[in-house]
């Protein structure tokens, strides 16, 4: 059995944790659950939502379409249904660009401190 080098050992996340990760309100996540049938978090006995990593990736794609690219809900649904691989790739590219921007900002700050 191979050693798991993934530092993320958590299988499920609460709605509050996911909302903080994505930067949206919990109510918006609940709304998206109603609008996007592919977004179905597991619910426990007391109806507490439990999101998996797959659910979080789905939310990031929805966030990219609706909040970043400005699609209406209906257009986002259509886009996800018609061109799922293209939507996934654009979400991945966006995440990478945001990460690079953060790294460049940190590097700029370090350079400004030297000068």
PDB file of N, CA and C in Angstrom:
ATOM      1  N   UNK A   1       0.844  -1.175   0.000  1.00  0.00           N
ATOM      2  CA  UNK A   1       0.000   0.000   0.000  1.00  0.00           C
ATOM      3  C   UNK A   1       0.887   1.235   0.000  1.00  0.00           C
ATOM      4  N   UNK A   2       0.619   2.173  -0.883  1.00  0.00           N
ATOM      5  CA  UNK A   2       1.441   3.374  -1.025  1.00  0.00           C
ATOM      6  C   UNK A   2       1.105   4.376   0.071  1.00  0.00           C
ATOM      7  N   UNK A   3       2.089   5.169   0.403  1.00  0.00           N
ATOM      8  CA  UNK A   3       1.919   6.215   1.408  1.00  0.00           C
ATOM      9  C   UNK A   3       1.100   7.350   0.809  1.00  0.00           C
ATOM     10  N   UNK A   4       0.093   7.797   1.531  1.00  0.00           N
ATOM     11  CA  UNK A   4      -0.734   8.905   1.070  1.00  0.00           C
ATOM     12  C   UNK A   4      -0.028  10.211   1.416  1.00  0.00           C
ATOM     13  N   UNK A   5       0.453  10.912   0.394  1.00  0.00           N
ATOM     14  CA  UNK A   5       1.153  12.177   0.632  1.00  0.00           C
ATOM     15  C   UNK A   5       0.207  13.357   0.636  1.00  0.00           C
ATOM     16  N   UNK A   6      -1.062  13.120   0.403  1.00  0.00           N
ATOM     17  CA  UNK A   6      -2.053  14.185   0.426  1.00  0.00           C
ATOM     18  C   UNK A   6      -2.263  14.644   1.864  1.00  0.00           C
ATOM     19  N   UNK A   7      -2.033  15.927   2.110  1.00  0.00           N
ATOM     20  CA  UNK A   7      -2.144  16.462   3.468  1.00  0.00           C
ATOM     21  C   UNK A   7      -3.591  16.640   3.902  1.00  0.00           C
ATOM     22  N   UNK A   8      -4.519  16.549   2.962  1.00  0.00           N
ATOM     23  CA  UNK A   8      -5.925  16.750   3.254  1.00  0.00           C
ATOM     24  C   UNK A   8      -6.559  15.401   3.602  1.00  0.00           C
ATOM     25  N   UNK A   9      -6.720  15.137   4.893  1.00  0.00           N
ATOM     26  CA  UNK A   9      -7.273  13.864   5.333  1.00  0.00           C
ATOM     27  C   UNK A   9      -8.767  13.942   5.590  1.00  0.00           C
ATOM     28  N   UNK A  10      -9.344  15.109   5.479  1.00  0.00           N
ATOM     29  CA  UNK A  10     -10.744  15.298   5.784  1.00  0.00           C
ATOM     30  C   UNK A  10     -11.601  14.819   4.617  1.00  0.00           C
ATOM     31  N   UNK A  11     -12.596  14.002   4.917  1.00  0.00           N
ATOM     32  CA  UNK A  11     -13.466  13.476   3.874  1.00  0.00           C
ATOM     33  C   UNK A  11     -14.671  14.380   3.622  1.00  0.00           C
ATOM     34  N   UNK A  12     -15.184  15.011   4.669  1.00  0.00           N
ATOM     35  CA  UNK A  12     -16.381  15.832   4.561  1.00  0.00           C
ATOM     36  C   UNK A  12     -16.154  17.199   5.199  1.00  0.00           C
ATOM     37  N   UNK A  13     -16.798  18.199   4.593  1.00  0.00           N
ATOM     38  CA  UNK A  13     -16.708  19.570   5.082  1.00  0.00           C
ATOM     39  C   UNK A  13     -18.117  20.090   5.357  1.00  0.00           C
ATOM     40  N   UNK A  14     -18.249  20.929   6.363  1.00  0.00           N
ATOM     41  CA  UNK A  14     -19.547  21.529   6.660  1.00  0.00           C
ATOM     42  C   UNK A  14     -19.823  22.652   5.671  1.00  0.00           C
ATOM     43  N   UNK A  15     -21.065  23.094   5.620  1.00  0.00           N
ATOM     44  CA  UNK A  15     -21.441  24.161   4.715  1.00  0.00           C
ATOM     45  C   UNK A  15     -20.707  25.456   5.079  1.00  0.00           C
ATOM     46  N   UNK A  16     -20.462  25.659   6.370  1.00  0.00           N
ATOM     47  CA  UNK A  16     -19.745  26.848   6.812  1.00  0.00           C
ATOM     48  C   UNK A  16     -18.300  26.833   6.309  1.00  0.00           C
ATOM     49  N   UNK A  17     -17.650  25.681   6.403  1.00  0.00           N
ATOM     50  CA  UNK A  17     -16.271  25.553   5.925  1.00  0.00           C
ATOM     51  C   UNK A  17     -16.182  25.791   4.422  1.00  0.00           C
ATOM     52  N   UNK A  18     -17.122  25.228   3.686  1.00  0.00           N
ATOM     53  CA  UNK A  18     -17.115  25.375   2.229  1.00  0.00           C
ATOM     54  C   UNK A  18     -17.381  26.823   1.846  1.00  0.00           C
ATOM     55  N   UNK A  19     -18.326  27.461   2.517  1.00  0.00           N
ATOM     56  CA  UNK A  19     -18.636  28.864   2.229  1.00  0.00           C
ATOM     57  C   UNK A  19     -17.408  29.743   2.461  1.00  0.00           C
ATOM     58  N   UNK A  20     -16.661  29.478   3.514  1.00  0.00           N
ATOM     59  CA  UNK A  20     -15.443  30.243   3.794  1.00  0.00           C
ATOM     60  C   UNK A  20     -14.373  29.965   2.745  1.00  0.00           C
ATOM     61  N   UNK A  21     -14.237  28.708   2.320  1.00  0.00           N
ATOM     62  CA  UNK A  21     -13.248  28.349   1.293  1.00  0.00           C
ATOM     63  C   UNK A  21     -13.506  29.094  -0.007  1.00  0.00           C
ATOM     64  N   UNK A  22     -14.762  29.106  -0.419  1.00  0.00           N
ATOM     65  CA  UNK A  22     -15.136  29.673  -1.706  1.00  0.00           C
ATOM     66  C   UNK A  22     -15.286  31.190  -1.616  1.00  0.00           C
ATOM     67  N   UNK A  23     -15.683  31.680  -0.458  1.00  0.00           N
ATOM     68  CA  UNK A  23     -15.888  33.118  -0.283  1.00  0.00           C
ATOM     69  C   UNK A  23     -17.306  33.555  -0.617  1.00  0.00           C
ATOM     70  N   UNK A  24     -18.276  32.710  -0.287  1.00  0.00           N
ATOM     71  CA  UNK A  24     -19.686  33.025  -0.522  1.00  0.00           C
ATOM     72  C   UNK A  24     -20.473  32.763   0.760  1.00  0.00           C
ATOM     73  N   UNK A  25     -21.742  33.161   0.747  1.00  0.00           N
ATOM     74  CA  UNK A  25     -22.626  32.901   1.885  1.00  0.00           C
ATOM     75  C   UNK A  25     -23.141  31.469   1.853  1.00  0.00           C
ATOM     76  N   UNK A  26     -23.485  30.958   3.016  1.00  0.00           N
ATOM     77  CA  UNK A  26     -24.063  29.621   3.113  1.00  0.00           C
ATOM     78  C   UNK A  26     -25.388  29.554   2.355  1.00  0.00           C
ATOM     79  N   UNK A  27     -26.152  30.640   2.399  1.00  0.00           N
ATOM     80  CA  UNK A  27     -27.440  30.654   1.710  1.00  0.00           C
ATOM     81  C   UNK A  27     -27.264  30.538   0.201  1.00  0.00           C
ATOM     82  N   UNK A  28     -26.187  31.097  -0.334  1.00  0.00           N
ATOM     83  CA  UNK A  28     -25.925  30.980  -1.764  1.00  0.00           C
ATOM     84  C   UNK A  28     -25.618  29.526  -2.131  1.00  0.00           C
ATOM     85  N   UNK A  29     -24.894  28.830  -1.282  1.00  0.00           N
ATOM     86  CA  UNK A  29     -24.624  27.407  -1.536  1.00  0.00           C
ATOM     87  C   UNK A  29     -25.924  26.606  -1.540  1.00  0.00           C
ATOM     88  N   UNK A  30     -26.820  26.913  -0.601  1.00  0.00           N
ATOM     89  CA  UNK A  30     -28.105  26.215  -0.568  1.00  0.00           C
ATOM     90  C   UNK A  30     -28.902  26.495  -1.846  1.00  0.00           C
ATOM     91  N   UNK A  31     -28.866  27.738  -2.291  1.00  0.00           N
ATOM     92  CA  UNK A  31     -29.566  28.114  -3.519  1.00  0.00           C
ATOM     93  C   UNK A  31     -28.995  27.358  -4.716  1.00  0.00           C
ATOM     94  N   UNK A  32     -27.670  27.305  -4.809  1.00  0.00           N
ATOM     95  CA  UNK A  32     -27.034  26.591  -5.918  1.00  0.00           C
ATOM     96  C   UNK A  32     -27.388  25.111  -5.893  1.00  0.00           C
ATOM     97  N   UNK A  33     -27.569  24.534  -4.706  1.00  0.00           N
ATOM     98  CA  UNK A  33     -27.977  23.126  -4.611  1.00  0.00           C
ATOM     99  C   UNK A  33     -29.329  22.913  -5.279  1.00  0.00           C
ATOM    100  N   UNK A  34     -30.224  23.887  -5.135  1.00  0.00           N
ATOM    101  CA  UNK A  34     -31.549  23.785  -5.757  1.00  0.00           C
ATOM    102  C   UNK A  34     -31.461  23.959  -7.273  1.00  0.00           C
ATOM    103  N   UNK A  35     -30.581  24.832  -7.722  1.00  0.00           N
ATOM    104  CA  UNK A  35     -30.497  25.175  -9.141  1.00  0.00           C
ATOM    105  C   UNK A  35     -29.661  24.184  -9.966  1.00  0.00           C
ATOM    106  N   UNK A  36     -28.646  23.616  -9.367  1.00  0.00           N
ATOM    107  CA  UNK A  36     -27.739  22.716 -10.088  1.00  0.00           C
ATOM    108  C   UNK A  36     -27.910  21.295  -9.545  1.00  0.00           C
ATOM    109  N   UNK A  37     -28.591  20.435 -10.295  1.00  0.00           N
ATOM    110  CA  UNK A  37     -28.886  19.089  -9.781  1.00  0.00           C
ATOM    111  C   UNK A  37     -27.646  18.233  -9.526  1.00  0.00           C
ATOM    112  N   UNK A  38     -26.525  18.530 -10.192  1.00  0.00           N
ATOM    113  CA  UNK A  38     -25.314  17.738  -9.971  1.00  0.00           C
ATOM    114  C   UNK A  38     -24.648  18.047  -8.629  1.00  0.00           C
ATOM    115  N   UNK A  39     -25.076  19.101  -7.969  1.00  0.00           N
ATOM    116  CA  UNK A  39     -24.516  19.486  -6.674  1.00  0.00           C
ATOM    117  C   UNK A  39     -25.419  18.940  -5.571  1.00  0.00           C
ATOM    118  N   UNK A  40     -25.070  17.784  -5.064  1.00  0.00           N
ATOM    119  CA  UNK A  40     -25.857  17.128  -4.024  1.00  0.00           C
ATOM    120  C   UNK A  40     -24.939  16.661  -2.892  1.00  0.00           C
ATOM    121  N   UNK A  41     -24.736  17.496  -1.870  1.00  0.00           N
ATOM    122  CA  UNK A  41     -23.912  17.038  -0.747  1.00  0.00           C
ATOM    123  C   UNK A  41     -24.638  15.957   0.056  1.00  0.00           C
ATOM    124  N   UNK A  42     -23.854  15.162   0.716  1.00  0.00           N
ATOM    125  CA  UNK A  42     -24.399  14.110   1.571  1.00  0.00           C
ATOM    126  C   UNK A  42     -25.045  14.781   2.780  1.00  0.00           C
ATOM    127  N   UNK A  43     -26.169  14.247   3.233  1.00  0.00           N
ATOM    128  CA  UNK A  43     -26.797  14.779   4.445  1.00  0.00           C
ATOM    129  C   UNK A  43     -26.868  13.672   5.482  1.00  0.00           C
ATOM    130  N   UNK A  44     -26.566  14.056   6.716  1.00  0.00           N
ATOM    131  CA  UNK A  44     -26.592  13.103   7.810  1.00  0.00           C
ATOM    132  C   UNK A  44     -27.987  12.929   8.361  1.00  0.00           C
ATOM    133  N   UNK A  45     -28.092  12.228   9.477  1.00  0.00           N
ATOM    134  CA  UNK A  45     -29.385  11.951  10.095  1.00  0.00           C
ATOM    135  C   UNK A  45     -30.097  13.233  10.518  1.00  0.00           C
ATOM    136  N   UNK A  46     -29.335  14.222  10.945  1.00  0.00           N
ATOM    137  CA  UNK A  46     -29.938  15.482  11.383  1.00  0.00           C
ATOM    138  C   UNK A  46     -29.935  16.523  10.263  1.00  0.00           C
ATOM    139  N   UNK A  47     -29.856  16.061   9.008  1.00  0.00           N
ATOM    140  CA  UNK A  47     -29.928  16.883   7.797  1.00  0.00           C
ATOM    141  C   UNK A  47     -28.817  17.925   7.707  1.00  0.00           C
ATOM    142  N   UNK A  48     -27.665  17.612   8.275  1.00  0.00           N
ATOM    143  CA  UNK A  48     -26.491  18.483   8.161  1.00  0.00           C
ATOM    144  C   UNK A  48     -25.776  18.142   6.862  1.00  0.00           C
ATOM    145  N   UNK A  49     -25.508  19.167   6.059  1.00  0.00           N
ATOM    146  CA  UNK A  49     -24.840  18.950   4.771  1.00  0.00           C
ATOM    147  C   UNK A  49     -23.378  18.601   4.997  1.00  0.00           C
ATOM    148  N   UNK A  50     -22.906  17.616   4.238  1.00  0.00           N
ATOM    149  CA  UNK A  50     -21.508  17.214   4.301  1.00  0.00           C
ATOM    150  C   UNK A  50     -20.972  17.188   2.873  1.00  0.00           C
ATOM    151  N   UNK A  51     -20.064  18.119   2.582  1.00  0.00           N
ATOM    152  CA  UNK A  51     -19.527  18.267   1.227  1.00  0.00           C
ATOM    153  C   UNK A  51     -18.233  17.480   1.082  1.00  0.00           C
ATOM    154  N   UNK A  52     -18.089  16.786  -0.041  1.00  0.00           N
ATOM    155  CA  UNK A  52     -16.852  16.079  -0.359  1.00  0.00           C
ATOM    156  C   UNK A  52     -15.972  16.989  -1.214  1.00  0.00           C
ATOM    157  N   UNK A  53     -14.749  16.538  -1.476  1.00  0.00           N
ATOM    158  CA  UNK A  53     -13.860  17.297  -2.362  1.00  0.00           C
ATOM    159  C   UNK A  53     -14.476  17.445  -3.756  1.00  0.00           C
ATOM    160  N   UNK A  54     -15.173  16.416  -4.215  1.00  0.00           N
ATOM    161  CA  UNK A  54     -15.833  16.470  -5.522  1.00  0.00           C
ATOM    162  C   UNK A  54     -16.910  17.559  -5.531  1.00  0.00           C
ATOM    163  N   UNK A  55     -17.675  17.656  -4.454  1.00  0.00           N
ATOM    164  CA  UNK A  55     -18.693  18.701  -4.343  1.00  0.00           C
ATOM    165  C   UNK A  55     -18.052  20.088  -4.377  1.00  0.00           C
ATOM    166  N   UNK A  56     -16.940  20.230  -3.698  1.00  0.00           N
ATOM    167  CA  UNK A  56     -16.249  21.520  -3.636  1.00  0.00           C
ATOM    168  C   UNK A  56     -15.731  21.908  -5.018  1.00  0.00           C
ATOM    169  N   UNK A  57     -15.221  20.946  -5.767  1.00  0.00           N
ATOM    170  CA  UNK A  57     -14.768  21.225  -7.129  1.00  0.00           C
ATOM    171  C   UNK A  57     -15.950  21.675  -7.996  1.00  0.00           C
ATOM    172  N   UNK A  58     -17.086  21.034  -7.798  1.00  0.00           N
ATOM    173  CA  UNK A  58     -18.301  21.409  -8.539  1.00  0.00           C
ATOM    174  C   UNK A  58     -18.704  22.846  -8.189  1.00  0.00           C
ATOM    175  N   UNK A  59     -18.619  23.200  -6.929  1.00  0.00           N
ATOM    176  CA  UNK A  59     -18.965  24.554  -6.494  1.00  0.00           C
ATOM    177  C   UNK A  59     -17.995  25.564  -7.086  1.00  0.00           C
ATOM    178  N   UNK A  60     -16.730  25.216  -7.164  1.00  0.00           N
ATOM    179  CA  UNK A  60     -15.743  26.131  -7.758  1.00  0.00           C
ATOM    180  C   UNK A  60     -16.050  26.395  -9.228  1.00  0.00           C
ATOM    181  N   UNK A  61     -16.501  25.361  -9.933  1.00  0.00           N
ATOM    182  CA  UNK A  61     -16.866  25.530 -11.341  1.00  0.00           C
ATOM    183  C   UNK A  61     -18.081  26.458 -11.445  1.00  0.00           C
ATOM    184  N   UNK A  62     -19.071  26.241 -10.605  1.00  0.00           N
ATOM    185  CA  UNK A  62     -20.264  27.093 -10.607  1.00  0.00           C
ATOM    186  C   UNK A  62     -19.883  28.523 -10.255  1.00  0.00           C
ATOM    187  N   UNK A  63     -19.033  28.685  -9.252  1.00  0.00           N
ATOM    188  CA  UNK A  63     -18.581  30.020  -8.849  1.00  0.00           C
ATOM    189  C   UNK A  63     -17.882  30.721 -10.015  1.00  0.00           C
ATOM    190  N   UNK A  64     -17.034  29.995 -10.717  1.00  0.00           N
ATOM    191  CA  UNK A  64     -16.319  30.556 -11.857  1.00  0.00           C
ATOM    192  C   UNK A  64     -17.301  31.049 -12.919  1.00  0.00           C
ATOM    193  N   UNK A  65     -18.295  30.239 -13.224  1.00  0.00           N
ATOM    194  CA  UNK A  65     -19.253  30.615 -14.258  1.00  0.00           C
ATOM    195  C   UNK A  65     -20.142  31.788 -13.838  1.00  0.00           C
ATOM    196  N   UNK A  66     -20.662  31.727 -12.621  1.00  0.00           N
ATOM    197  CA  UNK A  66     -21.658  32.707 -12.195  1.00  0.00           C
ATOM    198  C   UNK A  66     -21.017  33.992 -11.674  1.00  0.00           C
ATOM    199  N   UNK A  67     -20.052  33.875 -10.797  1.00  0.00           N
ATOM    200  CA  UNK A  67     -19.490  35.059 -10.149  1.00  0.00           C
ATOM    201  C   UNK A  67     -18.348  35.694 -10.935  1.00  0.00           C
ATOM    202  N   UNK A  68     -17.465  34.883 -11.484  1.00  0.00           N
ATOM    203  CA  UNK A  68     -16.288  35.422 -12.171  1.00  0.00           C
ATOM    204  C   UNK A  68     -16.633  35.808 -13.608  1.00  0.00           C
ATOM    205  N   UNK A  69     -17.259  34.888 -14.330  1.00  0.00           N
ATOM    206  CA  UNK A  69     -17.539  35.134 -15.745  1.00  0.00           C
ATOM    207  C   UNK A  69     -18.872  35.831 -15.979  1.00  0.00           C
ATOM    208  N   UNK A  70     -19.717  35.922 -14.953  1.00  0.00           N
ATOM    209  CA  UNK A  70     -20.946  36.696 -15.041  1.00  0.00           C
ATOM    210  C   UNK A  70     -22.112  36.027 -15.748  1.00  0.00           C
ATOM    211  N   UNK A  71     -22.106  34.703 -15.860  1.00  0.00           N
ATOM    212  CA  UNK A  71     -23.222  34.005 -16.477  1.00  0.00           C
ATOM    213  C   UNK A  71     -24.447  34.048 -15.566  1.00  0.00           C
ATOM    214  N   UNK A  72     -25.617  34.078 -16.170  1.00  0.00           N
ATOM    215  CA  UNK A  72     -26.861  33.878 -15.430  1.00  0.00           C
ATOM    216  C   UNK A  72     -26.941  32.397 -15.076  1.00  0.00           C
ATOM    217  N   UNK A  73     -27.790  32.058 -14.113  1.00  0.00           N
ATOM    218  CA  UNK A  73     -27.911  30.668 -13.669  1.00  0.00           C
ATOM    219  C   UNK A  73     -28.278  29.744 -14.842  1.00  0.00           C
ATOM    220  N   UNK A  74     -29.243  30.157 -15.651  1.00  0.00           N
ATOM    221  CA  UNK A  74     -29.671  29.317 -16.782  1.00  0.00           C
ATOM    222  C   UNK A  74     -28.530  29.101 -17.769  1.00  0.00           C
ATOM    223  N   UNK A  75     -27.775  30.150 -18.045  1.00  0.00           N
ATOM    224  CA  UNK A  75     -26.648  30.028 -18.980  1.00  0.00           C
ATOM    225  C   UNK A  75     -25.549  29.145 -18.396  1.00  0.00           C
ATOM    226  N   UNK A  76     -25.315  29.263 -17.095  1.00  0.00           N
ATOM    227  CA  UNK A  76     -24.306  28.421 -16.441  1.00  0.00           C
ATOM    228  C   UNK A  76     -24.706  26.951 -16.503  1.00  0.00           C
ATOM    229  N   UNK A  77     -25.994  26.666 -16.277  1.00  0.00           N
ATOM    230  CA  UNK A  77     -26.487  25.285 -16.373  1.00  0.00           C
ATOM    231  C   UNK A  77     -26.259  24.739 -17.778  1.00  0.00           C
ATOM    232  N   UNK A  78     -26.621  25.556 -18.767  1.00  0.00           N
ATOM    233  CA  UNK A  78     -26.482  25.134 -20.157  1.00  0.00           C
ATOM    234  C   UNK A  78     -25.009  24.895 -20.499  1.00  0.00           C
ATOM    235  N   UNK A  79     -24.145  25.776 -20.047  1.00  0.00           N
ATOM    236  CA  UNK A  79     -22.713  25.664 -20.315  1.00  0.00           C
ATOM    237  C   UNK A  79     -22.142  24.397 -19.677  1.00  0.00           C
ATOM    238  N   UNK A  80     -22.544  24.121 -18.447  1.00  0.00           N
ATOM    239  CA  UNK A  80     -22.045  22.926 -17.760  1.00  0.00           C
ATOM    240  C   UNK A  80     -22.549  21.658 -18.437  1.00  0.00           C
ATOM    241  N   UNK A  81     -23.763  21.690 -18.938  1.00  0.00           N
ATOM    242  CA  UNK A  81     -24.331  20.509 -19.585  1.00  0.00           C
ATOM    243  C   UNK A  81     -23.708  20.286 -20.967  1.00  0.00           C
ATOM    244  N   UNK A  82     -23.519  21.358 -21.716  1.00  0.00           N
ATOM    245  CA  UNK A  82     -23.059  21.243 -23.097  1.00  0.00           C
ATOM    246  C   UNK A  82     -21.557  21.011 -23.217  1.00  0.00           C
ATOM    247  N   UNK A  83     -20.778  21.671 -22.382  1.00  0.00           N
ATOM    248  CA  UNK A  83     -19.327  21.643 -22.554  1.00  0.00           C
ATOM    249  C   UNK A  83     -18.636  21.454 -21.204  1.00  0.00           C
ATOM    250  N   UNK A  84     -18.876  20.332 -20.583  1.00  0.00           N
ATOM    251  CA  UNK A  84     -18.366  20.096 -19.234  1.00  0.00           C
ATOM    252  C   UNK A  84     -16.836  20.107 -19.167  1.00  0.00           C
ATOM    253  N   UNK A  85     -16.158  19.509 -20.115  1.00  0.00           N
ATOM    254  CA  UNK A  85     -14.695  19.456 -20.044  1.00  0.00           C
ATOM    255  C   UNK A  85     -14.093  20.841 -20.228  1.00  0.00           C
ATOM    256  N   UNK A  86     -14.661  21.646 -21.097  1.00  0.00           N
ATOM    257  CA  UNK A  86     -14.169  23.010 -21.296  1.00  0.00           C
ATOM    258  C   UNK A  86     -14.370  23.862 -20.062  1.00  0.00           C
ATOM    259  N   UNK A  87     -15.489  23.677 -19.400  1.00  0.00           N
ATOM    260  CA  UNK A  87     -15.787  24.427 -18.177  1.00  0.00           C
ATOM    261  C   UNK A  87     -14.805  24.040 -17.075  1.00  0.00           C
ATOM    262  N   UNK A  88     -14.544  22.734 -16.934  1.00  0.00           N
ATOM    263  CA  UNK A  88     -13.593  22.272 -15.929  1.00  0.00           C
ATOM    264  C   UNK A  88     -12.206  22.837 -16.176  1.00  0.00           C
ATOM    265  N   UNK A  89     -11.776  22.815 -17.433  1.00  0.00           N
ATOM    266  CA  UNK A  89     -10.444  23.320 -17.758  1.00  0.00           C
ATOM    267  C   UNK A  89     -10.333  24.806 -17.483  1.00  0.00           C
ATOM    268  N   UNK A  90     -11.367  25.572 -17.812  1.00  0.00           N
ATOM    269  CA  UNK A  90     -11.298  27.017 -17.571  1.00  0.00           C
ATOM    270  C   UNK A  90     -11.276  27.310 -16.075  1.00  0.00           C
ATOM    271  N   UNK A  91     -11.959  26.511 -15.281  1.00  0.00           N
ATOM    272  CA  UNK A  91     -11.932  26.691 -13.832  1.00  0.00           C
ATOM    273  C   UNK A  91     -10.539  26.381 -13.287  1.00  0.00           C
ATOM    274  N   UNK A  92      -9.910  25.332 -13.819  1.00  0.00           N
ATOM    275  CA  UNK A  92      -8.554  24.987 -13.396  1.00  0.00           C
ATOM    276  C   UNK A  92      -7.563  26.085 -13.769  1.00  0.00           C
ATOM    277  N   UNK A  93      -7.713  26.625 -14.969  1.00  0.00           N
ATOM    278  CA  UNK A  93      -6.822  27.703 -15.417  1.00  0.00           C
ATOM    279  C   UNK A  93      -6.993  28.925 -14.529  1.00  0.00           C
ATOM    280  N   UNK A  94      -8.232  29.249 -14.202  1.00  0.00           N
ATOM    281  CA  UNK A  94      -8.496  30.397 -13.341  1.00  0.00           C
ATOM    282  C   UNK A  94      -7.857  30.211 -11.967  1.00  0.00           C
ATOM    283  N   UNK A  95      -7.994  29.018 -11.397  1.00  0.00           N
ATOM    284  CA  UNK A  95      -7.381  28.734 -10.096  1.00  0.00           C
ATOM    285  C   UNK A  95      -5.864  28.892 -10.157  1.00  0.00           C
ATOM    286  N   UNK A  96      -5.258  28.404 -11.215  1.00  0.00           N
ATOM    287  CA  UNK A  96      -3.808  28.523 -11.384  1.00  0.00           C
ATOM    288  C   UNK A  96      -3.392  29.983 -11.498  1.00  0.00           C
ATOM    289  N   UNK A  97      -4.143  30.752 -12.264  1.00  0.00           N
ATOM    290  CA  UNK A  97      -3.811  32.167 -12.422  1.00  0.00           C
ATOM    291  C   UNK A  97      -3.933  32.936 -11.104  1.00  0.00           C
ATOM    292  N   UNK A  98      -4.934  32.625 -10.323  1.00  0.00           N
ATOM    293  CA  UNK A  98      -5.095  33.274  -9.016  1.00  0.00           C
ATOM    294  C   UNK A  98      -3.929  32.918  -8.110  1.00  0.00           C
ATOM    295  N   UNK A  99      -3.497  31.665  -8.153  1.00  0.00           N
ATOM    296  CA  UNK A  99      -2.357  31.232  -7.339  1.00  0.00           C
ATOM    297  C   UNK A  99      -1.080  31.958  -7.765  1.00  0.00           C
ATOM    298  N   UNK A 100      -0.862  32.069  -9.076  1.00  0.00           N
ATOM    299  CA  UNK A 100       0.327  32.765  -9.580  1.00  0.00           C
ATOM    300  C   UNK A 100       0.297  34.236  -9.183  1.00  0.00           C
ATOM    301  N   UNK A 101      -0.887  34.836  -9.259  1.00  0.00           N
ATOM    302  CA  UNK A 101      -1.015  36.248  -8.874  1.00  0.00           C
ATOM    303  C   UNK A 101      -0.643  36.449  -7.405  1.00  0.00           C
ATOM    304  N   UNK A 102      -1.098  35.558  -6.538  1.00  0.00           N
ATOM    305  CA  UNK A 102      -0.766  35.654  -5.113  1.00  0.00           C
ATOM    306  C   UNK A 102       0.741  35.524  -4.903  1.00  0.00           C
ATOM    307  N   UNK A 103       1.358  34.590  -5.613  1.00  0.00           N
ATOM    308  CA  UNK A 103       2.806  34.398  -5.481  1.00  0.00           C
ATOM    309  C   UNK A 103       3.565  35.617  -5.966  1.00  0.00           C
ATOM    310  N   UNK A 104       3.132  36.194  -7.080  1.00  0.00           N
ATOM    311  CA  UNK A 104       3.798  37.388  -7.612  1.00  0.00           C
ATOM    312  C   UNK A 104       3.622  38.590  -6.683  1.00  0.00           C
ATOM    313  N   UNK A 105       2.463  38.722  -6.085  1.00  0.00           N
ATOM    314  CA  UNK A 105       2.223  39.803  -5.130  1.00  0.00           C
ATOM    315  C   UNK A 105       3.126  39.650  -3.914  1.00  0.00           C
ATOM    316  N   UNK A 106       3.266  38.434  -3.425  1.00  0.00           N
ATOM    317  CA  UNK A 106       4.147  38.188  -2.280  1.00  0.00           C
ATOM    318  C   UNK A 106       5.596  38.497  -2.643  1.00  0.00           C
ATOM    319  N   UNK A 107       6.013  38.105  -3.839  1.00  0.00           N
ATOM    320  CA  UNK A 107       7.371  38.385  -4.300  1.00  0.00           C
ATOM    321  C   UNK A 107       7.604  39.887  -4.444  1.00  0.00           C
ATOM    322  N   UNK A 108       6.638  40.591  -4.958  1.00  0.00           N
ATOM    323  CA  UNK A 108       6.734  42.048  -5.106  1.00  0.00           C
ATOM    324  C   UNK A 108       6.877  42.710  -3.729  1.00  0.00           C
ATOM    325  N   UNK A 109       6.107  42.241  -2.767  1.00  0.00           N
ATOM    326  CA  UNK A 109       6.188  42.786  -1.417  1.00  0.00           C
ATOM    327  C   UNK A 109       7.573  42.558  -0.804  1.00  0.00           C
ATOM    328  N   UNK A 110       8.125  41.375  -1.060  1.00  0.00           N
ATOM    329  CA  UNK A 110       9.468  41.076  -0.550  1.00  0.00           C
ATOM    330  C   UNK A 110      10.511  41.975  -1.209  1.00  0.00           C
ATOM    331  N   UNK A 111      10.374  42.185  -2.495  1.00  0.00           N
ATOM    332  CA  UNK A 111      11.303  43.060  -3.198  1.00  0.00           C
ATOM    333  C   UNK A 111      11.201  44.519  -2.720  1.00  0.00           C
ATOM    334  N   UNK A 112       9.988  44.945  -2.438  1.00  0.00           N
ATOM    335  CA  UNK A 112       9.783  46.305  -1.928  1.00  0.00           C
ATOM    336  C   UNK A 112      10.411  46.495  -0.541  1.00  0.00           C
ATOM    337  N   UNK A 113      10.451  45.457   0.246  1.00  0.00           N
ATOM    338  CA  UNK A 113      11.059  45.524   1.567  1.00  0.00           C
ATOM    339  C   UNK A 113      12.581  45.614   1.474  1.00  0.00           C
ATOM    340  N   UNK A 114      13.139  44.983   0.435  1.00  0.00           N
ATOM    341  CA  UNK A 114      14.597  45.016   0.241  1.00  0.00           C
ATOM    342  C   UNK A 114      15.036  46.410  -0.187  1.00  0.00           C
ATOM    343  N   UNK A 115      14.296  47.016  -1.064  1.00  0.00           N
ATOM    344  CA  UNK A 115      14.639  48.312  -1.643  1.00  0.00           C
ATOM    345  C   UNK A 115      14.286  49.416  -0.729  1.00  0.00           C
TER     346      UNK A 115
END
